Amino acid sequence: MSMEDFFNVPEMPETSVLKTNADVVSHISEALANTDDLELSQLMFQMLNKHSQVVLETSQKIMSKYKMHLQSVK
């Protein structure tokens, strides 16, 4: 259990965005691995790319906000 389980600690909006989109990426990846439909696979891959981009952009904004001059590896 974490501290958040014991105390009501407010979450930063950025954290909520990252958690939500990371969960979406995980679920889409699992669904993509379990489908044989090519058209559906392509659609899910596009969704996966969009949510991955949100995670990367949000992470970059958070790092810039806290003066962490790091960049994602491309």
C-alpha atoms as a PDB file:
ATOM      1  CA  MET A   1       0.000   0.000   0.000  1.00  0.00           C
ATOM      2  CA  SER A   2       1.128   3.518  -0.709  1.00  0.00           C
ATOM      3  CA  MET A   3       0.756   6.712   1.276  1.00  0.00           C
ATOM      4  CA  GLU A   4      -2.122   7.759  -0.966  1.00  0.00           C
ATOM      5  CA  ASP A   5      -4.077   4.751   0.298  1.00  0.00           C
ATOM      6  CA  PHE A   6      -3.939   6.097   3.862  1.00  0.00           C
ATOM      7  CA  PHE A   7      -4.154   9.836   3.325  1.00  0.00           C
ATOM      8  CA  ASN A   8      -6.210  11.879   0.931  1.00  0.00           C
ATOM      9  CA  VAL A   9      -3.350  13.451  -1.037  1.00  0.00           C
ATOM     10  CA  PRO A  10      -4.492  15.681  -3.895  1.00  0.00           C
ATOM     11  CA  GLU A  11      -3.132  14.612  -7.251  1.00  0.00           C
ATOM     12  CA  MET A  12      -1.612  17.045  -9.734  1.00  0.00           C
ATOM     13  CA  PRO A  13      -3.620  17.334 -12.970  1.00  0.00           C
ATOM     14  CA  GLU A  14      -0.558  16.254 -14.938  1.00  0.00           C
ATOM     15  CA  THR A  15      -0.372  13.056 -12.912  1.00  0.00           C
ATOM     16  CA  SER A  16      -4.003  12.277 -13.687  1.00  0.00           C
ATOM     17  CA  VAL A  17      -3.411  12.809 -17.413  1.00  0.00           C
ATOM     18  CA  LEU A  18      -0.334  10.576 -17.381  1.00  0.00           C
ATOM     19  CA  LYS A  19      -2.019   7.798 -15.388  1.00  0.00           C
ATOM     20  CA  THR A  20      -5.158   7.822 -17.524  1.00  0.00           C
ATOM     21  CA  ASN A  21      -3.312   7.775 -20.828  1.00  0.00           C
ATOM     22  CA  ALA A  22      -0.801   5.183 -19.619  1.00  0.00           C
ATOM     23  CA  ASP A  23      -3.745   2.947 -18.664  1.00  0.00           C
ATOM     24  CA  VAL A  24      -5.312   3.515 -22.082  1.00  0.00           C
ATOM     25  CA  VAL A  25      -2.006   2.640 -23.796  1.00  0.00           C
ATOM     26  CA  SER A  26      -1.831  -0.550 -21.751  1.00  0.00           C
ATOM     27  CA  HIS A  27      -5.398  -1.622 -22.589  1.00  0.00           C
ATOM     28  CA  ILE A  28      -5.047  -0.797 -26.285  1.00  0.00           C
ATOM     29  CA  SER A  29      -1.753  -2.713 -26.441  1.00  0.00           C
ATOM     30  CA  GLU A  30      -3.388  -5.751 -24.884  1.00  0.00           C
ATOM     31  CA  ALA A  31      -6.354  -5.559 -27.260  1.00  0.00           C
ATOM     32  CA  LEU A  32      -4.018  -5.110 -30.226  1.00  0.00           C
ATOM     33  CA  ALA A  33      -2.066  -8.209 -29.271  1.00  0.00           C
ATOM     34  CA  ASN A  34      -5.278 -10.251 -29.101  1.00  0.00           C
ATOM     35  CA  THR A  35      -6.896  -9.350 -32.421  1.00  0.00           C
ATOM     36  CA  ASP A  36      -6.561 -10.960 -35.828  1.00  0.00           C
ATOM     37  CA  ASP A  37      -8.604  -8.301 -37.677  1.00  0.00           C
ATOM     38  CA  LEU A  38      -6.231  -6.189 -39.791  1.00  0.00           C
ATOM     39  CA  GLU A  39      -8.544  -3.164 -40.037  1.00  0.00           C
ATOM     40  CA  LEU A  40      -9.184  -3.180 -36.284  1.00  0.00           C
ATOM     41  CA  SER A  41      -5.444  -3.565 -35.632  1.00  0.00           C
ATOM     42  CA  GLN A  42      -4.681  -0.501 -37.739  1.00  0.00           C
ATOM     43  CA  LEU A  43      -7.332   1.543 -35.932  1.00  0.00           C
ATOM     44  CA  MET A  44      -6.036   0.486 -32.512  1.00  0.00           C
ATOM     45  CA  PHE A  45      -2.454   1.223 -33.584  1.00  0.00           C
ATOM     46  CA  GLN A  46      -3.498   4.782 -34.517  1.00  0.00           C
ATOM     47  CA  MET A  47      -5.184   5.176 -31.128  1.00  0.00           C
ATOM     48  CA  LEU A  48      -2.085   3.793 -29.424  1.00  0.00           C
ATOM     49  CA  ASN A  49       0.101   6.349 -31.200  1.00  0.00           C
ATOM     50  CA  LYS A  50      -2.185   9.253 -30.207  1.00  0.00           C
ATOM     51  CA  HIS A  51      -2.249   8.299 -26.525  1.00  0.00           C
ATOM     52  CA  SER A  52       1.491   7.632 -26.506  1.00  0.00           C
ATOM     53  CA  GLN A  53       2.045  11.096 -27.954  1.00  0.00           C
ATOM     54  CA  VAL A  54      -0.086  12.647 -25.176  1.00  0.00           C
ATOM     55  CA  VAL A  55       2.012  10.845 -22.557  1.00  0.00           C
ATOM     56  CA  LEU A  56       5.263  12.045 -24.152  1.00  0.00           C
ATOM     57  CA  GLU A  57       4.059  15.647 -24.587  1.00  0.00           C
ATOM     58  CA  THR A  58       2.703  15.836 -21.035  1.00  0.00           C
ATOM     59  CA  SER A  59       5.922  14.388 -19.651  1.00  0.00           C
ATOM     60  CA  GLN A  60       7.929  16.974 -21.578  1.00  0.00           C
ATOM     61  CA  LYS A  61       5.744  19.802 -20.208  1.00  0.00           C
ATOM     62  CA  ILE A  62       6.138  18.530 -16.646  1.00  0.00           C
ATOM     63  CA  MET A  63       9.915  18.293 -17.028  1.00  0.00           C
ATOM     64  CA  SER A  64      10.056  21.816 -18.463  1.00  0.00           C
ATOM     65  CA  LYS A  65       7.841  23.124 -15.673  1.00  0.00           C
ATOM     66  CA  TYR A  66      10.239  21.773 -13.048  1.00  0.00           C
ATOM     67  CA  LYS A  67      13.332  22.846 -15.005  1.00  0.00           C
ATOM     68  CA  MET A  68      14.287  19.284 -15.799  1.00  0.00           C
ATOM     69  CA  HIS A  69      15.978  19.764 -19.162  1.00  0.00           C
ATOM     70  CA  LEU A  70      15.591  16.215 -20.431  1.00  0.00           C
ATOM     71  CA  GLN A  71      14.109  15.016 -23.685  1.00  0.00           C
ATOM     72  CA  SER A  72      12.533  11.771 -24.771  1.00  0.00           C
ATOM     73  CA  VAL A  73      14.555   9.386 -26.875  1.00  0.00           C
ATOM     74  CA  LYS A  74      13.252   9.168 -30.426  1.00  0.00           C
END
